[in-house]
Amino acid sequence: MSLGWQAGYTTGSCAAAAAKAAMTLICGGAVSSSIEIPLPDGSRLSLPLLYARPTASGAEAAIRKDGGDDPDVTTGLSVEVEVEILDCAQIEFRAGQGVGSITLPGLALPVGEPAINPGPRAMIAAAVREASPRGCRVTVSIPGGAEIASQTFNPRLGIAGGLSVLGTSGRVRPFSLPAMRQALACGLDVALANGTTAPVLVPGNIGGRAARRHLTLSARQVVETGNEWGFLLDHALGKGITALLALGHPGKLAKLWLDDWDTHSSRSHSPVAAVRELASHVAGQSLPAFPTVEGVLMSLSTEQCNAVSSELAERVRRAIELRVHSQFAIAVALINLEGNWLASAGDISPWR
């Protein structure tokens, strides 16, 4: 049955196919216009080959990345692999142009290693072993990757110089929620591995800028949640956190009070009616209908807005506290769309 979308293949699959083509060429084998590789689930995948040619020290080959219908920033890039034979049985990995290196602890690879994840490394090794049992050095390059990496989580995760070579299944399925969650979890893990015990969770860039503007924070202390508040709060349990600050716009964080822990607009309820009811109660007056939470708050006097924001922050704080079973102290800060401070609840002294 058709699912209505076109699957693609990961950078890990591209690197594995290119590595196999290069090793096949080194060993005197024939290389066709496509290369078939094994995938972790036991299935096989055939990828079109851009080129395969000898080099002074071995051979190189390339595959063009195709993410299918997924809005993948790496789609269209060339994944190029050079293979050189070594006098040992091992396979070594090197980062070439456009592939990053690990600079901070907390990821699946140690500091200093090329950002070729364990899954793709296993895929590359399996593909190469289909061509030869010989040891080799595999250098993966993605020209243009350093520029594209600025659009990914890599700079925040401590991956410098380019992209990561990713992929757990070898295939790309449009909007991979598990992949998004993995990236968010890595962001928190890197923060904790670099000494953070009191992270600040923000939905995105507006919250991140506001946090750094109003608070005294270390470079790795701000962690983005996207819409995955429930997932990331659950991931934070048992990791030695002493305090946690949730900072964001009331239109987003009010959803946590309403028990919507995935705050995406298509998967959560609008908080406007609940916030309007709360504001009417706190302000002691009936308020007209507004299309947004921002509109509700802007209709109030400064004193009323402060009171409503403070009460809402406390309700959100209690909801998060219940979610994490009071395992660590919770504080909440609310900001408007300009990043200005509205109110807070809980002890925010760890971030002052």
Protein backbone atom coordinates (compact mmCIF):
# COMPACT_ATOMS: atom_id res chain seq x y z
CA MET A 1 0.00 0.00 0.00
CA SER A 2 1.35 3.42 -0.94
CA LEU A 3 1.87 5.87 1.93
CA GLY A 4 1.70 8.87 -0.41
CA TRP A 5 5.29 9.99 0.07
CA GLN A 6 8.69 9.21 -1.38
CA ALA A 7 11.38 7.86 0.94
CA GLY A 8 15.00 8.92 0.51
CA TYR A 9 18.31 7.75 1.89
CA THR A 10 20.54 9.06 4.64
CA THR A 11 24.01 10.55 4.45
CA GLY A 12 25.14 7.34 6.17
CA SER A 13 23.75 5.25 3.31
CA CYS A 14 25.43 7.55 0.79
CA ALA A 15 28.78 7.21 2.55
CA ALA A 16 28.42 3.43 2.81
CA ALA A 17 27.62 3.05 -0.90
CA ALA A 18 30.45 5.36 -1.95
CA ALA A 19 32.91 3.52 0.32
CA LYS A 20 31.87 0.17 -1.13
CA ALA A 21 32.29 1.47 -4.68
CA ALA A 22 35.75 2.83 -3.91
CA MET A 23 36.88 -0.39 -2.24
CA THR A 24 35.48 -2.43 -5.12
CA LEU A 25 37.54 -0.34 -7.54
CA ILE A 26 40.69 -0.77 -5.44
CA CYS A 27 40.21 -4.53 -5.48
CA GLY A 28 39.86 -4.61 -9.26
CA GLY A 29 36.12 -5.23 -9.30
CA ALA A 30 33.61 -3.84 -11.73
CA VAL A 31 31.62 -0.79 -10.64
CA SER A 32 28.24 -0.20 -12.25
CA SER A 33 26.01 2.89 -12.26
CA SER A 34 24.43 1.90 -8.95
CA ILE A 35 25.74 0.38 -5.73
CA GLU A 36 23.78 -1.95 -3.46
CA ILE A 37 24.42 -1.95 0.28
CA PRO A 38 23.05 -3.83 3.30
CA LEU A 39 20.89 -1.95 5.79
CA PRO A 40 20.70 -2.52 9.56
CA ASP A 41 17.27 -4.20 9.31
CA GLY A 42 18.60 -6.85 6.90
CA SER A 43 17.12 -5.29 3.76
CA ARG A 44 19.19 -3.86 0.92
CA LEU A 45 19.24 -0.50 -0.82
CA SER A 46 20.56 0.44 -4.27
CA LEU A 47 21.92 3.99 -4.73
CA PRO A 48 22.91 5.70 -8.00
CA LEU A 49 26.62 6.39 -8.29
CA LEU A 50 27.91 9.80 -9.31
CA TYR A 51 31.43 8.58 -10.02
CA ALA A 52 34.11 6.13 -8.92
CA ARG A 53 37.75 6.66 -9.86
CA PRO A 54 41.26 5.74 -8.70
CA THR A 55 43.41 8.14 -6.70
CA ALA A 56 47.11 8.22 -5.96
CA SER A 57 46.56 6.37 -2.68
CA GLY A 58 43.41 4.34 -3.36
CA ALA A 59 40.06 5.26 -4.87
CA GLU A 60 37.20 7.66 -4.38
CA ALA A 61 33.49 7.61 -5.17
CA ALA A 62 30.45 9.81 -4.62
CA ILE A 63 26.68 9.57 -4.17
CA ARG A 64 24.28 12.50 -4.37
CA LYS A 65 22.09 12.74 -1.25
CA ASP A 66 18.36 12.36 -1.88
CA GLY A 67 16.08 12.92 1.12
CA GLY A 68 12.93 12.00 -0.82
CA ASP A 69 9.95 14.07 0.30
CA ASP A 70 11.61 15.03 3.59
CA PRO A 71 12.58 18.75 3.82
CA ASP A 72 16.23 17.79 4.42
CA VAL A 73 18.86 20.54 4.11
CA THR A 74 21.40 17.98 2.87
CA THR A 75 19.35 16.87 -0.15
CA GLY A 76 21.29 17.47 -3.35
CA LEU A 77 24.72 17.53 -1.69
CA SER A 78 27.44 15.18 -2.88
CA VAL A 79 28.69 12.67 -0.29
CA GLU A 80 32.25 11.84 -1.35
CA VAL A 81 34.37 9.05 0.13
CA GLU A 82 38.06 8.30 -0.36
CA VAL A 83 39.32 4.84 0.64
CA GLU A 84 42.97 4.06 1.32
CA ILE A 85 44.29 0.60 2.20
CA LEU A 86 46.00 0.21 5.61
CA ASP A 87 48.38 -2.44 6.91
CA CYS A 88 45.90 -3.57 9.54
CA ALA A 89 42.45 -5.16 9.73
CA GLN A 90 40.66 -2.12 11.11
CA ILE A 91 38.58 0.54 9.39
CA GLU A 92 39.54 4.09 10.35
CA PHE A 93 37.27 7.08 9.83
CA ARG A 94 38.34 10.61 8.93
CA ALA A 95 36.37 13.82 8.45
CA GLY A 96 36.98 15.45 5.10
CA GLN A 97 35.70 18.76 3.75
CA GLY A 98 32.24 19.66 5.09
CA VAL A 99 32.10 16.92 7.74
CA GLY A 100 32.29 18.08 11.35
CA SER A 101 34.33 16.94 14.33
CA ILE A 102 33.22 16.42 17.92
CA THR A 103 34.40 19.21 20.23
CA LEU A 104 32.28 18.66 23.34
CA PRO A 105 31.51 15.60 25.48
CA GLY A 106 28.00 14.23 25.79
CA LEU A 107 27.50 12.78 22.31
CA ALA A 108 27.80 9.18 21.15
CA LEU A 109 31.42 9.73 20.06
CA PRO A 110 34.43 11.04 22.01
CA VAL A 111 35.86 14.51 21.55
CA GLY A 112 38.14 14.73 18.53
CA GLU A 113 36.36 12.07 16.49
CA PRO A 114 34.82 12.83 13.10
CA ALA A 115 31.08 13.35 13.34
CA ILE A 116 30.26 10.09 11.61
CA ASN A 117 27.72 8.52 13.95
CA PRO A 118 27.99 4.91 15.20
CA GLY A 119 25.11 3.74 13.00
CA PRO A 120 26.65 5.02 9.75
CA ARG A 121 30.06 3.70 10.82
CA ALA A 122 28.57 0.23 11.15
CA MET A 123 26.84 0.62 7.77
CA ILE A 124 30.05 1.77 6.08
CA ALA A 125 31.98 -1.14 7.59
CA ALA A 126 29.36 -3.68 6.49
CA ALA A 127 29.31 -2.28 2.95
CA VAL A 128 33.11 -2.19 2.67
CA ARG A 129 33.37 -5.76 3.98
CA GLU A 130 31.18 -6.90 1.10
CA ALA A 131 33.99 -5.75 -1.19
CA SER A 132 37.07 -6.71 0.85
CA PRO A 133 38.19 -7.81 4.34
CA ARG A 134 41.22 -5.50 4.16
CA GLY A 135 41.76 -2.65 6.60
CA CYS A 136 41.31 0.85 5.26
CA ARG A 137 40.98 4.53 6.01
CA VAL A 138 37.61 5.98 5.02
CA THR A 139 37.51 9.76 4.59
CA VAL A 140 34.02 11.20 4.17
CA SER A 141 33.54 14.65 2.64
CA ILE A 142 30.39 16.66 1.94
CA PRO A 143 31.35 19.75 -0.09
CA GLY A 144 29.25 22.69 1.07
CA GLY A 145 28.55 20.97 4.37
CA ALA A 146 30.19 23.63 6.52
CA GLU A 147 27.74 26.25 5.25
CA ILE A 148 24.71 23.96 5.52
CA ALA A 149 25.69 22.93 9.07
CA SER A 150 24.75 26.42 10.30
CA GLN A 151 21.10 25.47 9.60
CA THR A 152 21.28 22.38 11.82
CA PHE A 153 21.69 21.63 15.53
CA ASN A 154 25.40 20.93 15.07
CA PRO A 155 26.85 24.25 16.30
CA ARG A 156 24.80 23.97 19.51
CA LEU A 157 25.85 20.36 20.00
CA GLY A 158 29.56 21.13 19.77
CA ILE A 159 30.09 19.68 16.29
CA ALA A 160 32.47 22.02 14.50
CA GLY A 161 33.46 22.37 10.87
CA GLY A 162 30.54 20.76 9.09
CA LEU A 163 27.70 18.27 9.04
CA SER A 164 27.22 15.01 10.85
CA VAL A 165 26.95 11.79 8.89
CA LEU A 166 23.66 10.46 10.20
CA GLY A 167 21.17 7.65 9.84
CA THR A 168 19.97 4.75 11.95
CA SER A 169 17.90 2.84 9.40
CA GLY A 170 19.60 3.99 6.19
CA ARG A 171 16.36 5.37 4.79
CA VAL A 172 14.84 8.84 5.23
CA ARG A 173 11.15 9.06 5.93
CA PRO A 174 9.49 12.49 5.73
CA PHE A 175 9.59 14.39 9.04
CA SER A 176 11.17 11.86 11.30
CA LEU A 177 9.89 12.62 14.80
CA PRO A 178 12.36 10.14 16.34
CA ALA A 179 15.23 11.96 14.60
CA MET A 180 13.98 15.33 15.87
CA ARG A 181 13.68 13.98 19.40
CA GLN A 182 17.14 12.47 19.19
CA ALA A 183 18.59 15.85 18.25
CA LEU A 184 16.76 17.59 21.11
CA ALA A 185 17.90 14.95 23.60
CA CYS A 186 21.47 15.38 22.38
CA GLY A 187 21.21 19.11 23.05
CA LEU A 188 20.31 18.47 26.68
CA ASP A 189 22.91 15.71 27.06
CA VAL A 190 25.67 17.96 25.75
CA ALA A 191 24.65 20.74 28.15
CA LEU A 192 24.74 18.34 31.10
CA ALA A 193 28.01 16.74 30.01
CA ASN A 194 29.59 20.19 29.97
CA GLY A 195 28.76 21.00 33.56
CA THR A 196 25.23 22.37 33.37
CA THR A 197 23.07 21.34 36.34
CA ALA A 198 20.43 24.06 35.92
CA PRO A 199 19.40 24.12 32.24
CA VAL A 200 17.05 26.67 30.71
CA LEU A 201 14.51 25.13 28.34
CA VAL A 202 13.18 27.37 25.57
CA PRO A 203 10.92 26.63 22.59
CA GLY A 204 13.23 28.26 20.04
CA ASN A 205 15.25 31.29 19.00
CA ILE A 206 13.05 33.99 20.57
CA GLY A 207 13.23 32.27 23.94
CA GLY A 208 16.94 31.62 23.58
CA ARG A 209 17.71 35.27 22.85
CA ALA A 210 15.51 36.44 25.71
CA ALA A 211 17.15 34.00 28.14
CA ARG A 212 20.61 35.31 27.31
CA ARG A 213 19.39 38.90 27.46
CA HIS A 214 17.76 38.71 30.88
CA LEU A 215 19.81 36.06 32.68
CA THR A 216 23.41 35.19 33.45
CA LEU A 217 24.03 31.93 31.64
CA SER A 218 26.89 29.75 30.46
CA ALA A 219 27.37 29.07 26.76
CA ARG A 220 25.69 25.65 26.87
CA GLN A 221 22.97 26.32 29.43
CA VAL A 222 20.13 27.12 27.02
CA VAL A 223 18.49 24.03 25.52
CA GLU A 224 15.82 24.15 22.82
CA THR A 225 12.74 21.96 23.17
CA GLY A 226 10.89 22.78 19.97
CA ASN A 227 7.38 21.49 20.66
CA GLU A 228 8.64 18.40 22.51
CA TRP A 229 8.28 19.59 26.11
CA GLY A 230 6.97 16.31 27.50
CA PHE A 231 9.65 14.25 25.79
CA LEU A 232 12.52 16.47 26.89
CA LEU A 233 11.26 16.82 30.48
CA ASP A 234 10.99 13.03 30.70
CA HIS A 235 14.50 12.74 29.23
CA ALA A 236 15.79 15.12 31.93
CA LEU A 237 14.82 12.76 34.77
CA GLY A 238 17.60 10.98 36.61
CA LYS A 239 20.40 13.06 35.07
CA GLY A 240 21.57 15.03 38.11
CA ILE A 241 19.71 18.25 37.35
CA THR A 242 19.28 20.45 40.42
CA ALA A 243 16.99 23.11 38.93
CA LEU A 244 15.26 23.76 35.63
CA LEU A 245 13.88 26.98 34.17
CA ALA A 246 11.21 26.90 31.44
CA LEU A 247 11.19 30.20 29.56
CA GLY A 248 8.90 31.17 26.71
CA HIS A 249 5.83 32.96 25.46
CA PRO A 250 2.62 32.39 27.48
CA GLY A 251 0.83 31.30 24.31
CA LYS A 252 3.19 28.33 24.18
CA LEU A 253 3.81 27.54 27.84
CA ALA A 254 0.13 27.86 28.81
CA LYS A 255 -0.39 24.61 26.91
CA LEU A 256 1.68 22.79 29.54
CA TRP A 257 -0.73 24.00 32.22
CA LEU A 258 -3.51 22.49 30.07
CA ASP A 259 -1.65 19.15 29.92
CA ASP A 260 -0.61 19.49 26.27
CA TRP A 261 3.06 18.46 26.36
CA ASP A 262 3.48 18.43 22.59
CA THR A 263 2.76 22.08 21.84
CA HIS A 264 2.57 21.87 18.05
CA SER A 265 -0.54 23.73 16.91
CA SER A 266 -1.89 20.69 15.05
CA ARG A 267 -1.45 18.39 18.06
CA SER A 268 -2.53 20.61 20.94
CA HIS A 269 -5.45 22.77 22.00
CA SER A 270 -5.53 26.53 21.76
CA PRO A 271 -4.90 28.03 25.21
CA VAL A 272 -6.59 31.34 24.38
CA ALA A 273 -9.98 30.60 26.01
CA ALA A 274 -8.37 29.26 29.20
CA VAL A 275 -6.02 32.25 29.49
CA ARG A 276 -8.91 34.66 28.84
CA GLU A 277 -10.93 32.99 31.61
CA LEU A 278 -7.97 33.18 33.98
CA ALA A 279 -7.39 36.83 33.08
CA SER A 280 -11.06 37.67 33.62
CA HIS A 281 -10.92 36.07 37.06
CA VAL A 282 -7.66 37.74 38.12
CA ALA A 283 -8.59 41.13 36.66
CA GLY A 284 -12.09 40.96 38.11
CA GLN A 285 -13.74 41.84 34.84
CA SER A 286 -15.17 40.06 31.82
CA LEU A 287 -12.91 40.22 28.78
CA PRO A 288 -13.97 40.02 25.14
CA ALA A 289 -12.83 37.22 22.87
CA PHE A 290 -9.33 37.59 21.47
CA PRO A 291 -7.68 35.43 18.79
CA THR A 292 -4.35 35.14 20.65
CA VAL A 293 -2.96 34.97 24.17
CA GLU A 294 -0.86 38.04 23.34
CA GLY A 295 -4.09 39.89 22.57
CA VAL A 296 -5.59 38.91 25.92
CA LEU A 297 -2.59 40.21 27.83
CA MET A 298 -2.28 43.41 25.79
CA SER A 299 -5.90 44.28 26.62
CA LEU A 300 -5.02 44.51 30.33
CA SER A 301 -3.49 47.31 32.31
CA THR A 302 0.17 46.90 33.24
CA GLU A 303 -0.78 45.91 36.79
CA GLN A 304 -3.37 43.42 35.59
CA CYS A 305 -1.01 41.95 33.01
CA ASN A 306 1.64 41.43 35.68
CA ALA A 307 -0.86 39.71 37.97
CA VAL A 308 -2.25 37.44 35.25
CA SER A 309 1.21 36.56 33.94
CA SER A 310 2.41 35.73 37.46
CA GLU A 311 -0.55 33.46 38.11
CA LEU A 312 -0.16 31.75 34.75
CA ALA A 313 3.57 31.23 35.34
CA GLU A 314 2.81 29.60 38.68
CA ARG A 315 0.25 27.26 37.12
CA VAL A 316 2.71 26.24 34.45
CA ARG A 317 5.39 25.75 37.11
CA ARG A 318 3.15 23.41 39.11
CA ALA A 319 2.27 21.43 35.98
CA ILE A 320 5.96 20.91 35.14
CA GLU A 321 6.72 20.05 38.76
CA LEU A 322 4.12 17.28 38.64
CA ARG A 323 5.49 16.04 35.31
CA VAL A 324 9.01 15.61 36.74
CA HIS A 325 7.73 14.25 40.08
CA SER A 326 9.40 17.15 41.96
CA GLN A 327 12.76 15.57 41.18
CA PHE A 328 14.34 19.02 40.88
CA ALA A 329 13.34 22.63 41.47
CA ILE A 330 11.21 24.21 38.75
CA ALA A 331 10.94 27.86 37.77
CA VAL A 332 9.03 29.43 34.89
CA ALA A 333 9.58 32.76 33.12
CA LEU A 334 7.17 34.28 30.61
CA ILE A 335 8.17 36.74 27.88
CA ASN A 336 6.22 38.57 25.18
CA LEU A 337 6.89 38.35 21.44
CA GLU A 338 9.54 41.07 21.70
CA GLY A 339 11.39 39.04 24.30
CA ASN A 340 10.47 41.38 27.16
CA TRP A 341 10.06 39.87 30.61
CA LEU A 342 6.45 39.48 31.77
CA ALA A 343 6.61 37.46 34.98
CA SER A 344 8.21 34.50 36.66
CA ALA A 345 7.30 31.85 39.23
CA GLY A 346 9.64 29.84 41.44
CA ASP A 347 13.18 30.63 42.49
CA ILE A 348 15.11 32.04 39.54
CA SER A 349 18.23 32.89 41.54
CA PRO A 350 20.25 30.02 39.94
CA TRP A 351 20.08 31.93 36.67
CA ARG A 352 20.68 35.46 37.96
